[in-house]
Amino acid sequence: MDATPKVLLIDLENCPTQIQQLKVDLDQYLQIVICYAHSQAKIPLSWLNELAEAIQRNKLRVIQMAQGGKNSADFGLAFFAGVLMQEHPVETEFIIVSNDKDLDHVVHLLKAQKRVAQRIGAVNEEPTKPAIPKPANNQDSLLICQTLIQHPNNRPSTSDALKNSIRSRLSQNIEAMLAVYKVLINHNVITVREEKVTYNDGSLKKLHAELNKS
């Protein structure tokens, strides 16, 4: 986690794939709040002990809205954004993961209170004209390689989750994320079949060594 404290608020209703990088997010954020009404998102059983510990330490809050409705999770996120604003220091950054642009109102309210805040959507929320990846910055690629090497048991298992994780590490820069993702594919670090990601540790270490020399 970098020096700036960050909290993450996840709208699980319309960003269900975000759950797949929850363990990575726990390393990066001071606190995480997940709100949902009726979600079918699943996590591996091997995560349960670690997530239970995070919940016990109040690092993770998982909130199911008592009354399901179209915008119930949005109201939950809005409420907890206010709660967390009171709990954390003024320099804390708020990141809301949701495709619902109505939550931009929450972002604007946080900014009105002199807080740093932003809403990000799912990676597959593409612009009308798909972005053309630029050549990857070597330092960006090196950072992602180091992350994958340091957290072999927390690697995202799907392409969307991996892109989300890369984007989070690169300050939410979509162009940089796409460029690094392309590098991982071109150097056979990852293989993607039916959205599932397989990692080649030999290629990963080789690329990491090459980037360290450059």
C-alpha atoms as a PDB file:
ATOM      1  CA  MET A   1       0.000   0.000   0.000  1.00  0.00           C
ATOM      2  CA  ASP A   2       1.417   3.444  -0.900  1.00  0.00           C
ATOM      3  CA  ALA A   3       1.852   6.334   1.533  1.00  0.00           C
ATOM      4  CA  THR A   4      -1.550   7.876   0.817  1.00  0.00           C
ATOM      5  CA  PRO A   5      -4.285   6.155   2.870  1.00  0.00           C
ATOM      6  CA  LYS A   6      -7.091   4.941   0.624  1.00  0.00           C
ATOM      7  CA  VAL A   7     -10.512   3.460   1.219  1.00  0.00           C
ATOM      8  CA  LEU A   8     -12.382   1.416  -1.354  1.00  0.00           C
ATOM      9  CA  LEU A   9     -16.171   1.251  -1.671  1.00  0.00           C
ATOM     10  CA  ILE A  10     -17.450  -1.474  -3.995  1.00  0.00           C
ATOM     11  CA  ASP A  11     -20.876  -1.658  -5.615  1.00  0.00           C
ATOM     12  CA  LEU A  12     -20.986  -5.431  -5.965  1.00  0.00           C
ATOM     13  CA  GLU A  13     -24.313  -5.336  -7.801  1.00  0.00           C
ATOM     14  CA  ASN A  14     -22.846  -4.053 -11.059  1.00  0.00           C
ATOM     15  CA  CYS A  15     -19.147  -4.787 -10.539  1.00  0.00           C
ATOM     16  CA  PRO A  16     -19.209  -8.438  -9.392  1.00  0.00           C
ATOM     17  CA  THR A  17     -15.782  -9.266 -10.852  1.00  0.00           C
ATOM     18  CA  GLN A  18     -14.157  -6.872  -8.377  1.00  0.00           C
ATOM     19  CA  ILE A  19     -14.592  -9.569  -5.720  1.00  0.00           C
ATOM     20  CA  GLN A  20     -12.002 -11.679  -7.543  1.00  0.00           C
ATOM     21  CA  GLN A  21      -9.195  -9.303  -6.596  1.00  0.00           C
ATOM     22  CA  LEU A  22     -10.337  -8.743  -3.037  1.00  0.00           C
ATOM     23  CA  LYS A  23      -7.201 -10.204  -1.476  1.00  0.00           C
ATOM     24  CA  VAL A  24      -5.020  -7.910  -3.584  1.00  0.00           C
ATOM     25  CA  ASP A  25      -7.212  -4.928  -2.675  1.00  0.00           C
ATOM     26  CA  LEU A  26      -6.803  -5.719   1.029  1.00  0.00           C
ATOM     27  CA  ASP A  27      -3.057  -5.173   0.625  1.00  0.00           C
ATOM     28  CA  GLN A  28      -3.579  -1.804  -1.056  1.00  0.00           C
ATOM     29  CA  TYR A  29      -6.393  -0.153   0.895  1.00  0.00           C
ATOM     30  CA  LEU A  30      -6.750   1.008   4.472  1.00  0.00           C
ATOM     31  CA  GLN A  31     -10.376  -0.153   4.537  1.00  0.00           C
ATOM     32  CA  ILE A  32     -12.838  -1.747   2.117  1.00  0.00           C
ATOM     33  CA  VAL A  33     -16.635  -1.588   2.176  1.00  0.00           C
ATOM     34  CA  ILE A  34     -18.707  -3.845  -0.081  1.00  0.00           C
ATOM     35  CA  CYS A  35     -22.435  -3.206  -0.505  1.00  0.00           C
ATOM     36  CA  TYR A  36     -24.898  -5.445  -2.307  1.00  0.00           C
ATOM     37  CA  ALA A  37     -28.541  -6.471  -2.362  1.00  0.00           C
ATOM     38  CA  HIS A  38     -28.685  -9.724  -4.324  1.00  0.00           C
ATOM     39  CA  SER A  39     -25.277 -10.821  -5.585  1.00  0.00           C
ATOM     40  CA  GLN A  40     -24.141 -14.227  -6.808  1.00  0.00           C
ATOM     41  CA  ALA A  41     -20.446 -13.325  -6.594  1.00  0.00           C
ATOM     42  CA  LYS A  42     -18.305 -16.179  -5.259  1.00  0.00           C
ATOM     43  CA  ILE A  43     -14.922 -16.423  -3.553  1.00  0.00           C
ATOM     44  CA  PRO A  44     -12.566 -19.414  -3.114  1.00  0.00           C
ATOM     45  CA  LEU A  45     -12.971 -21.292   0.161  1.00  0.00           C
ATOM     46  CA  SER A  46      -9.237 -20.843   0.787  1.00  0.00           C
ATOM     47  CA  TRP A  47      -9.849 -17.114   1.281  1.00  0.00           C
ATOM     48  CA  LEU A  48     -12.282 -17.496   4.170  1.00  0.00           C
ATOM     49  CA  ASN A  49      -9.844 -17.375   7.096  1.00  0.00           C
ATOM     50  CA  GLU A  50      -8.018 -14.327   5.772  1.00  0.00           C
ATOM     51  CA  LEU A  51     -11.240 -12.462   4.967  1.00  0.00           C
ATOM     52  CA  ALA A  52     -12.715 -13.352   8.364  1.00  0.00           C
ATOM     53  CA  GLU A  53      -9.624 -11.861  10.023  1.00  0.00           C
ATOM     54  CA  ALA A  54      -9.966  -8.694   7.904  1.00  0.00           C
ATOM     55  CA  ILE A  55     -13.623  -8.392   8.950  1.00  0.00           C
ATOM     56  CA  GLN A  56     -12.708  -8.891  12.613  1.00  0.00           C
ATOM     57  CA  ARG A  57     -10.127  -6.067  12.352  1.00  0.00           C
ATOM     58  CA  ASN A  58     -12.752  -3.857  10.669  1.00  0.00           C
ATOM     59  CA  LYS A  59     -10.534  -3.605   7.585  1.00  0.00           C
ATOM     60  CA  LEU A  60     -13.321  -5.193   5.533  1.00  0.00           C
ATOM     61  CA  ARG A  61     -17.061  -4.573   5.816  1.00  0.00           C
ATOM     62  CA  VAL A  62     -19.508  -6.601   3.743  1.00  0.00           C
ATOM     63  CA  ILE A  63     -22.983  -5.099   3.859  1.00  0.00           C
ATOM     64  CA  GLN A  64     -26.104  -6.781   2.483  1.00  0.00           C
ATOM     65  CA  MET A  65     -28.890  -4.247   2.245  1.00  0.00           C
ATOM     66  CA  ALA A  66     -31.897  -5.316   4.296  1.00  0.00           C
ATOM     67  CA  GLN A  67     -34.334  -4.293   1.577  1.00  0.00           C
ATOM     68  CA  GLY A  68     -33.304  -5.062  -1.974  1.00  0.00           C
ATOM     69  CA  GLY A  69     -34.094  -2.515  -4.627  1.00  0.00           C
ATOM     70  CA  LYS A  70     -32.734  -0.913  -7.757  1.00  0.00           C
ATOM     71  CA  ASN A  71     -30.458   1.530  -5.949  1.00  0.00           C
ATOM     72  CA  SER A  72     -30.180  -0.017  -2.509  1.00  0.00           C
ATOM     73  CA  ALA A  73     -26.440  -0.720  -2.781  1.00  0.00           C
ATOM     74  CA  ASP A  74     -25.906   2.885  -3.948  1.00  0.00           C
ATOM     75  CA  PHE A  75     -27.571   4.210  -0.799  1.00  0.00           C
ATOM     76  CA  GLY A  76     -25.401   1.907   1.281  1.00  0.00           C
ATOM     77  CA  LEU A  77     -22.220   3.186  -0.356  1.00  0.00           C
ATOM     78  CA  ALA A  78     -23.352   6.797   0.079  1.00  0.00           C
ATOM     79  CA  PHE A  79     -24.009   6.181   3.786  1.00  0.00           C
ATOM     80  CA  PHE A  80     -20.660   4.499   4.426  1.00  0.00           C
ATOM     81  CA  ALA A  81     -18.781   7.146   2.439  1.00  0.00           C
ATOM     82  CA  GLY A  82     -20.063   9.628   5.008  1.00  0.00           C
ATOM     83  CA  VAL A  83     -19.195   7.324   7.904  1.00  0.00           C
ATOM     84  CA  LEU A  84     -15.657   6.727   6.643  1.00  0.00           C
ATOM     85  CA  MET A  85     -15.133  10.433   6.017  1.00  0.00           C
ATOM     86  CA  GLN A  86     -15.632  10.944   9.759  1.00  0.00           C
ATOM     87  CA  GLU A  87     -13.447   7.984  10.735  1.00  0.00           C
ATOM     88  CA  HIS A  88     -10.369   8.665   8.589  1.00  0.00           C
ATOM     89  CA  PRO A  89      -7.951  11.614   8.304  1.00  0.00           C
ATOM     90  CA  VAL A  90      -8.474  14.366   5.748  1.00  0.00           C
ATOM     91  CA  GLU A  91      -5.746  13.077   3.410  1.00  0.00           C
ATOM     92  CA  THR A  92      -7.571   9.756   2.891  1.00  0.00           C
ATOM     93  CA  GLU A  93      -8.517   9.093  -0.737  1.00  0.00           C
ATOM     94  CA  PHE A  94     -11.938   7.612  -1.545  1.00  0.00           C
ATOM     95  CA  ILE A  95     -12.336   5.270  -4.524  1.00  0.00           C
ATOM     96  CA  ILE A  96     -15.810   4.045  -5.472  1.00  0.00           C
ATOM     97  CA  VAL A  97     -16.019   1.070  -7.825  1.00  0.00           C
ATOM     98  CA  SER A  98     -19.321   1.193  -9.688  1.00  0.00           C
ATOM     99  CA  ASN A  99     -20.669   1.545 -13.207  1.00  0.00           C
ATOM    100  CA  ASP A 100     -23.561   3.601 -11.830  1.00  0.00           C
ATOM    101  CA  LYS A 101     -22.878   7.250 -12.670  1.00  0.00           C
ATOM    102  CA  ASP A 102     -25.389   8.334 -10.017  1.00  0.00           C
ATOM    103  CA  LEU A 103     -22.613   7.681  -7.499  1.00  0.00           C
ATOM    104  CA  ASP A 104     -20.762  10.628  -8.999  1.00  0.00           C
ATOM    105  CA  HIS A 105     -22.997  12.684  -6.688  1.00  0.00           C
ATOM    106  CA  VAL A 106     -21.257  11.042  -3.733  1.00  0.00           C
ATOM    107  CA  VAL A 107     -17.874  11.836  -5.272  1.00  0.00           C
ATOM    108  CA  HIS A 108     -18.878  15.493  -5.706  1.00  0.00           C
ATOM    109  CA  LEU A 109     -20.071  15.692  -2.095  1.00  0.00           C
ATOM    110  CA  LEU A 110     -16.792  14.233  -0.835  1.00  0.00           C
ATOM    111  CA  LYS A 111     -14.839  16.722  -2.919  1.00  0.00           C
ATOM    112  CA  ALA A 112     -16.989  19.540  -1.530  1.00  0.00           C
ATOM    113  CA  GLN A 113     -15.702  18.465   1.894  1.00  0.00           C
ATOM    114  CA  LYS A 114     -12.099  18.829   0.626  1.00  0.00           C
ATOM    115  CA  ARG A 115     -11.637  15.084   0.181  1.00  0.00           C
ATOM    116  CA  VAL A 116      -9.921  13.350  -2.728  1.00  0.00           C
ATOM    117  CA  ALA A 117     -12.447  11.045  -4.382  1.00  0.00           C
ATOM    118  CA  GLN A 118     -13.191   9.323  -7.664  1.00  0.00           C
ATOM    119  CA  ARG A 119     -15.524   6.753  -9.159  1.00  0.00           C
ATOM    120  CA  ILE A 120     -14.140   4.072 -11.439  1.00  0.00           C
ATOM    121  CA  GLY A 121     -16.159   1.635 -13.508  1.00  0.00           C
ATOM    122  CA  ALA A 122     -15.442  -1.925 -14.525  1.00  0.00           C
ATOM    123  CA  VAL A 123     -12.574  -2.379 -16.968  1.00  0.00           C
ATOM    124  CA  ASN A 124     -14.943  -3.682 -19.633  1.00  0.00           C
ATOM    125  CA  GLU A 125     -16.730  -0.334 -19.638  1.00  0.00           C
ATOM    126  CA  GLU A 126     -15.100   0.645 -22.953  1.00  0.00           C
ATOM    127  CA  PRO A 127     -15.348   4.031 -24.691  1.00  0.00           C
ATOM    128  CA  THR A 128     -17.081   4.261 -28.071  1.00  0.00           C
ATOM    129  CA  LYS A 129     -13.698   4.073 -29.756  1.00  0.00           C
ATOM    130  CA  PRO A 130     -11.487   1.471 -28.053  1.00  0.00           C
ATOM    131  CA  ALA A 131      -8.275   2.882 -26.694  1.00  0.00           C
ATOM    132  CA  ILE A 132      -5.137   1.979 -28.630  1.00  0.00           C
ATOM    133  CA  PRO A 133      -2.478   0.792 -26.190  1.00  0.00           C
ATOM    134  CA  LYS A 134       0.694   2.880 -26.167  1.00  0.00           C
ATOM    135  CA  PRO A 135       4.103   1.275 -25.599  1.00  0.00           C
ATOM    136  CA  ALA A 136       4.381   0.311 -21.973  1.00  0.00           C
ATOM    137  CA  ASN A 137       6.574   2.251 -19.589  1.00  0.00           C
ATOM    138  CA  ASN A 138       9.300  -0.094 -18.326  1.00  0.00           C
ATOM    139  CA  GLN A 139       8.804   1.047 -14.736  1.00  0.00           C
ATOM    140  CA  ASP A 140       5.075   0.257 -14.952  1.00  0.00           C
ATOM    141  CA  SER A 141       5.809  -3.216 -16.303  1.00  0.00           C
ATOM    142  CA  LEU A 142       8.469  -3.767 -13.641  1.00  0.00           C
ATOM    143  CA  LEU A 143       6.067  -2.770 -10.862  1.00  0.00           C
ATOM    144  CA  ILE A 144       3.427  -5.249 -12.062  1.00  0.00           C
ATOM    145  CA  CYS A 145       5.984  -8.033 -12.459  1.00  0.00           C
ATOM    146  CA  GLN A 146       7.236  -7.407  -8.917  1.00  0.00           C
ATOM    147  CA  THR A 147       3.671  -7.504  -7.606  1.00  0.00           C
ATOM    148  CA  LEU A 148       2.950 -10.827  -9.329  1.00  0.00           C
ATOM    149  CA  ILE A 149       6.189 -12.325  -8.008  1.00  0.00           C
ATOM    150  CA  GLN A 150       5.636 -11.081  -4.447  1.00  0.00           C
ATOM    151  CA  HIS A 151       2.022 -12.295  -4.268  1.00  0.00           C
ATOM    152  CA  PRO A 152       1.965 -15.680  -6.046  1.00  0.00           C
ATOM    153  CA  ASN A 153      -1.112 -16.841  -4.116  1.00  0.00           C
ATOM    154  CA  ASN A 154      -3.114 -13.649  -4.679  1.00  0.00           C
ATOM    155  CA  ARG A 155      -2.898 -13.382  -8.451  1.00  0.00           C
ATOM    156  CA  PRO A 156      -6.168 -12.488 -10.201  1.00  0.00           C
ATOM    157  CA  SER A 157      -7.704 -15.510 -11.906  1.00  0.00           C
ATOM    158  CA  THR A 158      -9.606 -13.748 -14.715  1.00  0.00           C
ATOM    159  CA  SER A 159      -8.601 -11.181 -17.313  1.00  0.00           C
ATOM    160  CA  ASP A 160     -11.011  -8.562 -15.966  1.00  0.00           C
ATOM    161  CA  ALA A 161      -9.722  -8.993 -12.418  1.00  0.00           C
ATOM    162  CA  LEU A 162      -6.110  -8.782 -13.614  1.00  0.00           C
ATOM    163  CA  LYS A 163      -6.817  -5.598 -15.576  1.00  0.00           C
ATOM    164  CA  ASN A 164      -8.532  -4.101 -12.529  1.00  0.00           C
ATOM    165  CA  SER A 165      -5.552  -5.000 -10.366  1.00  0.00           C
ATOM    166  CA  ILE A 166      -3.038  -3.527 -12.828  1.00  0.00           C
ATOM    167  CA  ARG A 167      -5.097  -0.365 -13.175  1.00  0.00           C
ATOM    168  CA  SER A 168      -5.262   0.010  -9.391  1.00  0.00           C
ATOM    169  CA  ARG A 169      -1.485  -0.291  -9.130  1.00  0.00           C
ATOM    170  CA  LEU A 170      -0.982   2.294 -11.903  1.00  0.00           C
ATOM    171  CA  SER A 171      -3.099   5.056 -10.362  1.00  0.00           C
ATOM    172  CA  GLN A 172      -6.204   4.108 -12.387  1.00  0.00           C
ATOM    173  CA  ASN A 173      -4.456   4.905 -15.709  1.00  0.00           C
ATOM    174  CA  ILE A 174      -6.337   2.849 -18.321  1.00  0.00           C
ATOM    175  CA  GLU A 175      -3.818   3.435 -21.129  1.00  0.00           C
ATOM    176  CA  ALA A 176      -0.920   2.322 -18.927  1.00  0.00           C
ATOM    177  CA  MET A 177      -2.913  -0.728 -17.805  1.00  0.00           C
ATOM    178  CA  LEU A 178      -3.631  -1.791 -21.397  1.00  0.00           C
ATOM    179  CA  ALA A 179       0.017  -1.329 -22.354  1.00  0.00           C
ATOM    180  CA  VAL A 180       1.318  -3.450 -19.457  1.00  0.00           C
ATOM    181  CA  TYR A 181      -1.358  -6.104 -20.050  1.00  0.00           C
ATOM    182  CA  LYS A 182      -0.164  -6.362 -23.670  1.00  0.00           C
ATOM    183  CA  VAL A 183       3.441  -6.759 -22.476  1.00  0.00           C
ATOM    184  CA  LEU A 184       2.434  -9.650 -20.214  1.00  0.00           C
ATOM    185  CA  ILE A 185       0.730 -11.402 -23.122  1.00  0.00           C
ATOM    186  CA  ASN A 186       3.516 -10.740 -25.646  1.00  0.00           C
ATOM    187  CA  HIS A 187       6.159 -12.104 -23.269  1.00  0.00           C
ATOM    188  CA  ASN A 188       4.077 -15.212 -22.478  1.00  0.00           C
ATOM    189  CA  VAL A 189       3.803 -14.233 -18.824  1.00  0.00           C
ATOM    190  CA  ILE A 190       0.063 -14.862 -19.019  1.00  0.00           C
ATOM    191  CA  THR A 191      -2.160 -17.031 -21.169  1.00  0.00           C
ATOM    192  CA  VAL A 192      -5.851 -16.140 -21.390  1.00  0.00           C
ATOM    193  CA  ARG A 193      -8.443 -18.710 -22.402  1.00  0.00           C
ATOM    194  CA  GLU A 194     -12.165 -18.027 -21.975  1.00  0.00           C
ATOM    195  CA  GLU A 195     -11.309 -15.107 -19.649  1.00  0.00           C
ATOM    196  CA  LYS A 196      -9.287 -17.394 -17.338  1.00  0.00           C
ATOM    197  CA  VAL A 197      -5.664 -16.387 -16.737  1.00  0.00           C
ATOM    198  CA  THR A 198      -2.757 -18.824 -16.432  1.00  0.00           C
ATOM    199  CA  TYR A 199       0.639 -17.539 -15.268  1.00  0.00           C
ATOM    200  CA  ASN A 200       4.046 -18.719 -16.542  1.00  0.00           C
ATOM    201  CA  ASP A 201       6.493 -18.162 -13.685  1.00  0.00           C
ATOM    202  CA  GLY A 202       9.530 -18.798 -15.877  1.00  0.00           C
ATOM    203  CA  SER A 203       8.515 -16.102 -18.355  1.00  0.00           C
ATOM    204  CA  LEU A 204       7.547 -13.786 -15.503  1.00  0.00           C
ATOM    205  CA  LYS A 205      10.978 -14.023 -13.863  1.00  0.00           C
ATOM    206  CA  LYS A 206      12.726 -13.631 -17.223  1.00  0.00           C
ATOM    207  CA  LEU A 207      10.768 -10.463 -18.037  1.00  0.00           C
ATOM    208  CA  HIS A 208      11.386  -9.122 -14.536  1.00  0.00           C
ATOM    209  CA  ALA A 209      15.148  -9.649 -14.960  1.00  0.00           C
ATOM    210  CA  GLU A 210      15.140  -7.935 -18.371  1.00  0.00           C
ATOM    211  CA  LEU A 211      13.230  -4.930 -17.033  1.00  0.00           C
ATOM    212  CA  ASN A 212      15.604  -4.632 -14.068  1.00  0.00           C
ATOM    213  CA  LYS A 213      18.541  -4.323 -16.494  1.00  0.00           C
ATOM    214  CA  SER A 214      16.875  -1.658 -18.673  1.00  0.00           C
END
